[in-house]
Every structure is written in C-alpha cells, then in structure tokens.
Protein backbone atom coordinates (compact mmCIF):
# COMPACT_ATOMS: atom_id res chain seq x y z
CA SER A 1 129.30 -33.89 -121.24
CA SER A 2 126.69 -36.66 -120.84
CA ILE A 3 129.46 -39.26 -120.30
CA ASN A 4 130.92 -37.32 -117.39
CA ASN A 5 127.50 -36.57 -115.93
CA ILE A 6 126.53 -40.22 -115.58
CA SER A 7 129.39 -40.78 -113.11
CA ASP A 8 128.62 -37.66 -111.06
CA THR A 9 127.25 -38.69 -107.66
CA ALA A 10 125.14 -35.51 -107.60
CA THR A 11 123.46 -36.67 -110.82
CA VAL A 12 122.69 -40.20 -109.68
CA ASN A 13 121.68 -39.09 -106.17
CA ALA A 14 119.83 -35.95 -107.26
CA LYS A 15 116.94 -34.84 -105.09
CA SER A 16 114.27 -32.18 -105.42
CA MET A 17 112.37 -30.28 -102.76
CA SER A 18 109.22 -28.29 -102.18
CA VAL A 19 108.22 -25.82 -99.46
CA SER A 20 104.58 -25.66 -98.41
CA ASN A 21 104.83 -21.99 -97.40
CA PRO A 22 107.56 -20.16 -99.34
CA ASN A 23 106.76 -16.96 -97.44
CA ILE A 24 108.36 -18.50 -94.36
CA LEU A 25 111.62 -19.71 -95.87
CA THR A 26 113.49 -20.75 -98.97
CA ALA A 27 115.73 -23.81 -99.10
CA SER A 28 118.42 -25.36 -101.26
CA ILE A 29 120.04 -28.78 -101.43
CA THR A 30 123.80 -28.36 -101.01
CA ASP A 31 124.75 -32.05 -101.13
CA PRO A 32 122.18 -34.56 -102.41
CA THR A 33 124.28 -37.46 -101.13
CA GLN A 34 123.96 -36.21 -97.54
CA VAL A 35 120.38 -34.98 -97.26
CA SER A 36 117.75 -37.58 -96.42
CA GLU A 37 114.45 -37.93 -98.24
CA GLY A 38 111.30 -37.20 -96.30
CA SER A 39 109.31 -34.41 -94.64
CA TYR A 40 110.81 -31.75 -92.40
CA ASN A 41 108.36 -29.84 -90.22
CA ILE A 42 110.03 -26.50 -89.61
CA ASN A 43 108.89 -23.76 -87.26
CA ILE A 44 110.76 -20.43 -87.24
CA SER A 45 110.22 -18.95 -83.78
CA GLN A 46 112.80 -16.16 -83.92
CA LEU A 47 114.73 -14.32 -86.64
CA ALA A 48 118.36 -13.26 -86.30
CA THR A 49 118.86 -9.56 -85.65
CA ASN A 50 121.75 -7.15 -85.24
CA GLN A 51 122.46 -4.82 -82.32
CA VAL A 52 121.10 -1.31 -82.81
CA TYR A 53 121.56 1.83 -80.68
CA ALA A 54 119.72 5.07 -81.46
CA SER A 55 119.52 8.50 -79.90
CA ASN A 56 116.18 9.38 -78.36
CA ASN A 57 117.00 13.06 -78.68
CA SER A 58 116.95 14.62 -82.14
CA PHE A 59 118.65 17.72 -83.54
CA SER A 60 117.57 20.15 -86.24
CA ASP A 61 121.13 20.71 -87.53
CA LYS A 62 123.33 17.65 -87.94
CA ASN A 63 126.40 19.80 -88.60
CA ALA A 64 126.08 22.17 -85.62
CA PRO A 65 128.50 21.66 -82.67
CA LEU A 66 126.79 19.79 -79.86
CA GLY A 67 128.80 21.53 -77.09
CA LEU A 68 129.84 18.18 -75.62
CA ASP A 69 132.18 17.83 -72.68
CA PRO A 70 135.40 16.26 -74.05
CA GLY A 71 135.37 12.51 -73.64
CA THR A 72 135.64 9.07 -75.25
CA LEU A 73 132.83 6.92 -76.56
CA THR A 74 133.69 3.20 -76.26
CA ILE A 75 132.00 0.45 -78.26
CA SER A 76 132.70 -2.98 -76.72
CA MET A 77 132.20 -5.97 -79.05
CA ASN A 78 133.55 -9.52 -79.11
CA GLY A 79 136.13 -8.75 -76.45
CA ASN A 80 137.41 -5.67 -78.30
CA SER A 81 137.06 -2.02 -77.37
CA TYR A 82 136.77 0.69 -80.00
CA ASN A 83 137.42 4.18 -78.68
CA ILE A 84 136.04 7.31 -80.33
CA ALA A 85 137.38 10.55 -78.85
CA TYR A 86 135.31 13.76 -79.18
CA ASP A 87 135.28 17.35 -77.92
CA SER A 88 132.93 20.33 -77.71
CA THR A 89 133.27 21.14 -81.42
CA TYR A 90 131.84 17.79 -82.54
CA SER A 91 128.52 17.77 -84.37
CA LEU A 92 126.21 14.81 -84.89
CA GLN A 93 127.83 14.32 -88.31
CA ASN A 94 131.33 14.48 -86.80
CA LEU A 95 130.42 11.75 -84.31
CA ALA A 96 129.04 9.50 -87.06
CA ASP A 97 132.09 10.07 -89.28
CA GLU A 98 134.52 9.31 -86.44
CA ILE A 99 132.65 6.14 -85.45
CA ASN A 100 132.77 4.92 -89.06
CA ARG A 101 136.45 5.83 -89.41
CA THR A 102 137.25 3.79 -86.29
CA ALA A 103 135.22 0.82 -87.56
CA SER A 104 137.05 0.97 -90.90
CA VAL A 105 140.55 1.28 -89.44
CA TYR A 106 140.12 -1.37 -86.72
CA ASN A 107 137.71 -3.74 -88.55
CA GLY A 108 134.80 -3.12 -86.23
CA ASN A 109 131.51 -4.76 -87.14
CA PHE A 110 129.38 -1.66 -86.63
CA LYS A 111 128.33 1.40 -88.59
CA ALA A 112 126.93 4.81 -87.70
CA SER A 113 124.34 6.71 -89.70
CA ILE A 114 122.20 9.79 -89.29
CA ILE A 115 118.46 9.43 -89.80
CA ASN A 116 116.06 12.29 -90.39
CA VAL A 117 112.85 11.41 -88.52
CA GLY A 118 111.35 14.79 -89.38
CA THR A 119 110.69 16.42 -92.74
CA SER A 120 112.89 18.20 -95.24
CA SER A 121 111.54 21.58 -94.05
CA ASN A 122 111.67 20.67 -90.37
CA PRO A 123 114.45 18.05 -90.02
CA GLN A 124 114.95 16.08 -86.84
CA TYR A 125 118.24 14.16 -86.96
CA LYS A 126 119.06 11.12 -84.83
CA LEU A 127 122.28 9.10 -84.54
CA VAL A 128 121.97 5.35 -85.14
CA ILE A 129 124.80 2.87 -84.45
CA ALA A 130 124.07 -0.60 -85.82
CA GLY A 131 125.98 -3.86 -85.91
CA THR A 132 126.86 -5.11 -89.40
CA LYS A 133 126.43 -8.76 -88.37
CA THR A 134 123.48 -10.57 -86.83
CA GLY A 135 123.60 -13.11 -84.00
CA ALA A 136 123.98 -13.03 -80.24
CA ASP A 137 127.77 -13.20 -80.48
CA ASN A 138 127.77 -9.89 -82.34
CA SER A 139 126.10 -7.81 -79.63
CA PHE A 140 127.86 -4.72 -78.31
CA THR A 141 127.57 -2.13 -75.57
CA ILE A 142 128.39 1.58 -75.52
CA SER A 143 130.03 3.44 -72.64
CA ASP A 144 131.21 7.03 -72.33
CA THR A 145 133.68 9.06 -70.27
CA GLY A 146 132.04 12.34 -71.36
CA ASN A 147 128.41 13.31 -71.81
CA ALA A 148 127.71 12.26 -75.44
CA VAL A 149 125.56 9.26 -74.42
CA SER A 150 123.49 11.31 -72.00
CA MET A 151 123.11 14.35 -74.27
CA LEU A 152 121.99 12.14 -77.17
CA ASP A 153 120.08 9.82 -74.82
CA LEU A 154 121.67 6.93 -76.72
CA THR A 155 119.93 3.64 -75.91
CA SER A 156 119.68 0.13 -77.33
CA ILE A 157 116.53 -0.27 -79.45
CA GLN A 158 117.30 -3.78 -80.77
CA ASN A 159 119.36 -6.59 -79.28
CA ALA A 160 121.52 -8.91 -81.35
CA GLN A 161 120.03 -12.40 -81.30
CA ASN A 162 120.24 -15.73 -83.08
CA ALA A 163 117.61 -17.14 -85.36
CA VAL A 164 115.80 -20.04 -83.71
CA ALA A 165 113.90 -22.86 -85.39
CA THR A 166 112.60 -26.32 -84.60
CA VAL A 167 113.07 -29.05 -87.19
CA ASN A 168 110.88 -32.09 -86.57
CA GLY A 169 110.73 -31.02 -82.91
CA LEU A 170 114.47 -30.44 -82.48
CA GLN A 171 115.56 -26.87 -81.77
CA VAL A 172 118.41 -25.41 -83.85
CA GLN A 173 120.01 -21.96 -83.91
CA SER A 174 121.97 -19.83 -86.36
CA ASP A 175 123.71 -16.46 -86.03
CA THR A 176 122.16 -15.54 -89.40
CA ASN A 177 118.77 -16.33 -90.87
CA THR A 178 120.36 -19.10 -92.91
CA PHE A 179 120.44 -22.51 -91.24
CA THR A 180 122.93 -25.23 -92.24
CA ASN A 181 122.22 -27.62 -89.36
CA ILE A 182 120.71 -30.34 -91.59
CA PRO A 183 123.43 -32.21 -93.53
CA GLY A 184 123.22 -31.48 -97.26
CA LEU A 185 120.52 -28.82 -96.83
CA SER A 186 120.34 -25.13 -96.06
CA PHE A 187 117.32 -22.90 -95.58
CA THR A 188 116.90 -19.17 -95.08
CA ALA A 189 114.08 -17.81 -92.95
CA PHE A 190 112.08 -14.73 -93.99
CA GLN A 191 109.62 -14.55 -91.13
CA THR A 192 108.39 -16.51 -88.13
CA GLY A 193 105.89 -19.29 -88.72
CA SER A 194 105.63 -22.92 -89.72
CA THR A 195 106.11 -24.75 -93.00
CA VAL A 196 106.82 -28.24 -94.32
CA LEU A 197 109.90 -28.96 -96.42
CA GLN A 198 109.59 -32.07 -98.58
CA ILE A 199 112.69 -33.82 -100.00
CA GLN A 200 112.23 -36.48 -102.67
CA LYS A 201 114.31 -38.46 -105.14
CA ASP A 202 114.82 -36.71 -108.49
CA ASN A 203 115.64 -39.05 -111.38
CA LYS A 204 115.49 -36.38 -114.08
CA PRO A 205 119.24 -35.46 -114.12
CA ILE A 206 120.44 -39.04 -114.64
CA THR A 207 117.57 -39.74 -117.07
CA ASP A 208 118.61 -36.68 -119.09
CA ALA A 209 122.28 -37.70 -118.99
CA LEU A 210 121.60 -41.24 -120.19
CA GLY A 211 119.07 -39.94 -122.70
CA GLY A 212 121.77 -37.67 -124.07
CA ILE A 213 124.08 -40.64 -124.62
CA VAL A 214 121.26 -42.56 -126.32
CA ASN A 215 120.55 -39.65 -128.67
CA TYR A 216 124.24 -39.13 -129.51
CA TYR A 217 124.64 -42.85 -130.21
CA ASN A 218 121.61 -42.96 -132.52
CA GLN A 219 122.78 -39.87 -134.40
CA LEU A 220 126.20 -41.45 -134.81
CA VAL A 221 124.63 -44.66 -136.14
CA ASP A 222 122.60 -42.74 -138.72
CA ILE A 223 125.54 -40.64 -139.90
CA VAL A 224 127.91 -43.60 -140.17
CA ASN A 225 125.34 -45.74 -141.99
CA LYS A 226 124.59 -42.96 -144.45
CA GLU A 227 128.14 -41.84 -145.17
CA THR A 228 129.85 -45.26 -145.23
CA GLY A 229 127.07 -47.07 -147.12
CA LYS A 230 126.71 -47.44 -150.86
CA GLY A 231 127.02 -44.07 -152.54
CA GLY A 232 128.11 -42.39 -149.33
CA LYS A 233 131.01 -39.95 -149.13
CA LEU A 234 132.92 -42.38 -146.90
CA SER A 235 131.88 -45.58 -148.65
CA GLY A 236 134.26 -48.37 -147.73
CA GLU A 237 135.61 -46.66 -144.59
CA TYR A 238 134.70 -49.39 -142.15
CA GLY A 239 136.73 -47.90 -139.31
CA PHE A 240 133.77 -45.73 -138.34
CA ASN A 241 131.56 -48.79 -138.00
CA GLN A 242 134.15 -50.20 -135.61
CA ILE A 243 133.81 -47.08 -133.44
CA VAL A 244 130.03 -47.52 -133.28
CA ASN A 245 130.39 -51.22 -132.41
CA GLY A 246 132.94 -50.39 -129.72
CA ILE A 247 130.63 -47.87 -128.06
CA PHE A 248 127.80 -50.42 -128.25
CA ASN A 249 129.96 -52.97 -126.43
CA GLN A 250 130.80 -50.53 -123.62
CA LEU A 251 127.08 -50.08 -122.94
CA GLN A 252 126.51 -53.81 -122.44
CA PRO A 253 125.83 -53.60 -118.67
CA LEU A 254 122.82 -51.38 -119.41
CA PHE A 255 121.56 -53.82 -122.03
CA THR A 256 121.91 -56.68 -119.54
CA ALA A 257 119.84 -54.75 -116.98
CA ASP A 258 117.23 -53.88 -119.65
CA ILE A 259 117.81 -50.19 -118.96
CA ILE A 260 118.74 -49.73 -122.61
CA ASN A 261 116.97 -51.61 -125.42
CA PHE A 262 118.28 -52.33 -128.93
CA ASP A 263 116.26 -52.14 -132.15
CA ARG A 264 117.81 -54.54 -134.68
CA THR A 265 115.88 -52.97 -137.56
CA THR A 266 117.17 -49.40 -137.16
CA GLY A 267 120.28 -50.10 -135.11
CA HIS A 268 119.02 -47.53 -132.62
CA ILE A 269 118.94 -47.85 -128.85
CA SER A 270 116.30 -46.53 -126.43
CA LEU A 271 116.09 -45.82 -122.73
CA ASN A 272 113.75 -47.89 -120.53
CA THR A 273 112.90 -45.29 -117.87
CA SER A 274 110.88 -47.78 -115.81
CA LYS A 275 113.89 -50.08 -115.38
CA LEU A 276 116.11 -47.06 -114.79
CA ASN A 277 113.86 -45.80 -111.97
CA ASP A 278 113.85 -49.29 -110.42
CA ALA A 279 117.66 -49.37 -110.40
CA LEU A 280 117.88 -45.88 -108.89
CA THR A 281 115.35 -46.77 -106.18
CA ASN A 282 116.40 -50.30 -105.27
CA ASN A 283 120.17 -50.40 -105.92
CA PRO A 284 121.48 -46.83 -106.16
CA ILE A 285 125.01 -47.67 -104.99
CA ASP A 286 125.41 -50.67 -107.31
CA PHE A 287 123.96 -48.65 -110.18
CA GLN A 288 126.37 -45.80 -109.43
CA ASN A 289 129.28 -48.26 -109.62
CA THR A 290 127.93 -49.63 -112.92
CA LEU A 291 127.76 -46.13 -114.39
CA ASN A 292 131.25 -45.35 -113.13
CA GLY A 293 132.54 -48.44 -114.92
CA ILE A 294 130.73 -47.53 -118.15
CA LYS A 295 132.07 -43.97 -118.03
CA ASN A 296 135.64 -45.16 -117.42
CA ASN A 297 135.42 -47.82 -120.15
CA LEU A 298 133.93 -45.41 -122.68
CA THR A 299 136.59 -42.83 -121.89
CA THR A 300 139.36 -45.42 -122.22
CA TYR A 301 137.91 -46.76 -125.47
CA LEU A 302 137.29 -43.37 -127.10
CA ASN A 303 140.45 -41.65 -125.95
CA PRO A 304 142.69 -43.10 -128.72
CA TYR A 305 140.17 -41.79 -131.24
CA THR A 306 139.45 -38.35 -129.76
CA GLN A 307 142.79 -37.36 -128.22
CA PHE A 308 145.13 -34.92 -129.91
CA ASN A 309 146.84 -36.58 -132.86
CA GLY A 310 144.64 -39.62 -132.28
CA ILE A 311 142.98 -41.92 -134.79
CA LEU A 312 140.36 -39.39 -135.91
CA ASP A 313 143.05 -36.74 -136.27
CA GLN A 314 145.03 -39.18 -138.39
CA TYR A 315 141.94 -39.77 -140.57
CA ASN A 316 141.64 -36.03 -141.09
CA LYS A 317 145.32 -35.68 -141.87
CA SER A 318 145.10 -38.56 -144.34
CA TYR A 319 142.17 -36.89 -146.09
CA ASP A 320 144.05 -33.59 -146.05
CA ARG A 321 147.01 -35.29 -147.76
CA GLN A 322 144.75 -36.90 -150.37
CA ILE A 323 143.03 -33.58 -151.03
CA GLN A 324 146.39 -31.86 -151.38
CA ASN A 325 147.65 -34.56 -153.74
CA ILE A 326 144.56 -34.17 -155.92
CA GLN A 327 144.98 -30.40 -155.87
CA ASN A 328 148.62 -30.79 -156.87
CA LEU A 329 147.57 -32.99 -159.83
CA ILE A 330 144.97 -30.42 -160.83
CA ASP A 331 147.53 -27.65 -160.63
CA LEU A 332 150.05 -29.73 -162.63
CA GLN A 333 147.51 -30.56 -165.33
CA ALA A 334 146.40 -26.95 -165.46
CA LYS A 335 150.01 -25.89 -165.90
CA ARG A 336 150.52 -28.41 -168.69
CA VAL A 337 147.36 -27.26 -170.42
CA GLN A 338 148.51 -23.68 -170.15
CA MET A 339 151.88 -24.60 -171.61
CA GLU A 340 150.14 -26.43 -174.47
CA ILE A 341 147.95 -23.38 -175.11
CA GLU A 342 151.03 -21.17 -175.24
CA THR A 343 152.68 -23.54 -177.72
CA LEU A 344 149.63 -23.58 -179.96
CA LYS A 345 149.38 -19.80 -179.74
CA ASN A 346 153.02 -19.47 -180.86
CA GLN A 347 152.47 -21.90 -183.72
CA PHE A 348 149.39 -19.98 -184.77
CA ILE A 349 151.29 -16.71 -184.78
CA LYS A 350 154.10 -18.24 -186.84
CA MET A 351 151.60 -19.60 -189.33
CA GLN A 352 150.03 -16.15 -189.62
CA MET A 353 153.47 -14.65 -190.24
CA LEU A 354 154.30 -17.30 -192.90
CA GLN A 355 150.96 -16.67 -194.52
CA ALA A 356 151.62 -12.95 -194.61
CA GLN A 357 155.04 -13.52 -196.13
CA MET A 358 153.58 -15.87 -198.75
CA ASN A 359 150.93 -13.28 -199.62
CA ASP A 360 153.59 -10.59 -199.98
CA ILE A 361 155.73 -12.76 -202.25
CA SER A 362 152.69 -13.71 -204.29
CA ALA A 363 151.78 -10.07 -204.70
CA ARG A 364 155.30 -9.15 -205.82
CA ILE A 365 155.35 -11.98 -208.37
CA GLN A 366 152.03 -10.89 -209.72
CA ALA A 367 153.18 -7.30 -209.94
CA THR A 368 156.43 -8.16 -211.64
CA PHE A 369 155.52 -10.97 -213.98
CA GLY A 370 151.83 -10.64 -214.30
CA ASN A 371 150.14 -9.58 -217.52
C-alpha cells in the first residue's frame, strides 16, 4: 500500500540508471541505498568463457566401434578426477554417453556432445567436451591411459577464463559475465568495448507513493462529506469525520514542511513536488525518519478502525442489526396483514353462506305462502 511504501528505504532512496551503449552491457540496481550516484566508465576487455575440448578427427558413423585400446579417460577439474573407462567396442556415441553419465553421477561440471560438421548426406561427427560453468576456476584437463585422446586427436579449443573489466580505471574480474563488484549494482557484459553507466536520483517512486496517499485522502473527504452531509445516507454519523480529521493530524509534519498543502475551500490536500524534491536532495535521512514516523502514526491511528472486529466492523455490525430489525418488523407486519386478510376472507365467506341461506328461506316462503 502507499502507506507502507513511504517508509520503504528503497522508495525514498530510489535511483535510476542509463547505459550509453546497451550493446556492451546491461545493468540493474540491486540496492539503491548502497550504490552511489554518478558516472561509471566501464570497459569490458575480456568475456568469461568455459573450457572446451574437441576432437580434430571426425567420423562418418557416430555409432560404429572405434577399435580403441582399452583404457580410462580422466577429466581433472577443481581438484577432482572423473574417470571414464572404455574398451574396443566403444563408439563415439558410447564415449559421449559415458562421459555424461559420469558427470551426472558425480556432479561434474562438464558435458559431452557430438557435433556433425559435415552434411546430412555426408556426416562428419566430432566429440566435444565442454565445461558447464565459465571462469578460470572451472578449467579442466583431459588425460588418458589408452589411445582415445590420440585417436580422436582431442585438444583444447577454448580455455576457461574470467570476465575482465575496468570501472573508472580500476580492474575487476568475475567468473561469469555478470559483475557484482560495485555495491548495490550489477552489470552483465555482452561483448568487449566501452560504455558509460549513469546513476541518478529517482524521486518518482516516493512521489507516486505520497501522491497515492493524497488521492486516497481527497477521495475519502469527498465521500464522507457527501454521505454524512444533509440528505446523505449517513447523515449525522460524525464518526467518519473524526477519521478524516485524525488522518489529517497524522500528516502534520508534511504540512509543516510545505510538502503537502491544504485547500480550505474543498478540504483537499495537494503535493508540492518542488518542496518534496528539496527534502529528498538536501535531507534524505531526516526525511526518511519523518516518513517512518508518519507511517507508524497512521498505522497506529487507523488500526483500531481497520483491524478485525474493529470500529468499522462494529459500524457494519450495527447497521446489519438495524437492517435485520427493520426486516423483522416488515415480516411481522406482513404476517399481521396476511392474518387480517384471512380473517376478512373467512368473514366474507360466512356472509356469502348466510346470504345463500336467507335466499333459500325466502324462496321457500314465497313458494309456500305466496299467491
């Protein structure tokens, strides 16, 4: 909510950035309270890469036995040795599958694949063993007790290396292409080259948060004035005016600093962005403390109203009871009316029966004694 946002240090200390050459890198602010405003001249001199071995020799059938002398291929990485045993029946595919099985079972950071450097009609398959992580610490070597390395002519075609950059003349390194050396900032390099990263203060988040409170307050004022005024649905319910006045009082520090202005004619408040920007620029820490106090005071003040079974809940329950009482009266009166209707119906029927009897007697008299 807007109330919570105004006490968020990331909101008050928000910063924005721009990159002069986005083809070189992309950046993100991870902690606006830590990163410093200003220009960062960044030169990417080297990208991080992984270790890659590939066979110089190629084979037309990846599934045909290679006729290897039995032996063990050993991949040495980060002080660990991963042994892959093979024999004369192994094909290029068998070697790749066994290397990948070993990596999976023993958590090795490497993977084997078979690449067709020929065509579909004239395939030429090569074995490639690549590290799954970049950085100099993730380099590896391959040794062999048999003749797989020599038969494949397996050689290193890419060394594992760190990414290297200079930031305002200071060299930094990373085992990936993402650098986190600058406090509160990270950037990811795409290619070598130079760019300028600009960090500046961003007042929009706190302006939006305070603007949200201003809008909510003004809407509340309008609703309360309309509904509690003469002819309103809540006419005479002055408790809602007390809520509005209470919120107004909690915002007093912002009125004192001229950051929020009050219109006596409409009862509305407005945000003075010029004064707000001055406070954020000149006294950010003091202003943060002021906002923290306002947030805590508003929360404390509103909690009895908004909490479960609080004052507003009690208002609703009171209205529910009044509505139910009125409905009960309506139901009771409806029942009484229905009973009265039934009584009148019965009386009417009896009168009809008496009338019929009188007509019958009259007819008999006429028949008996008439002329």
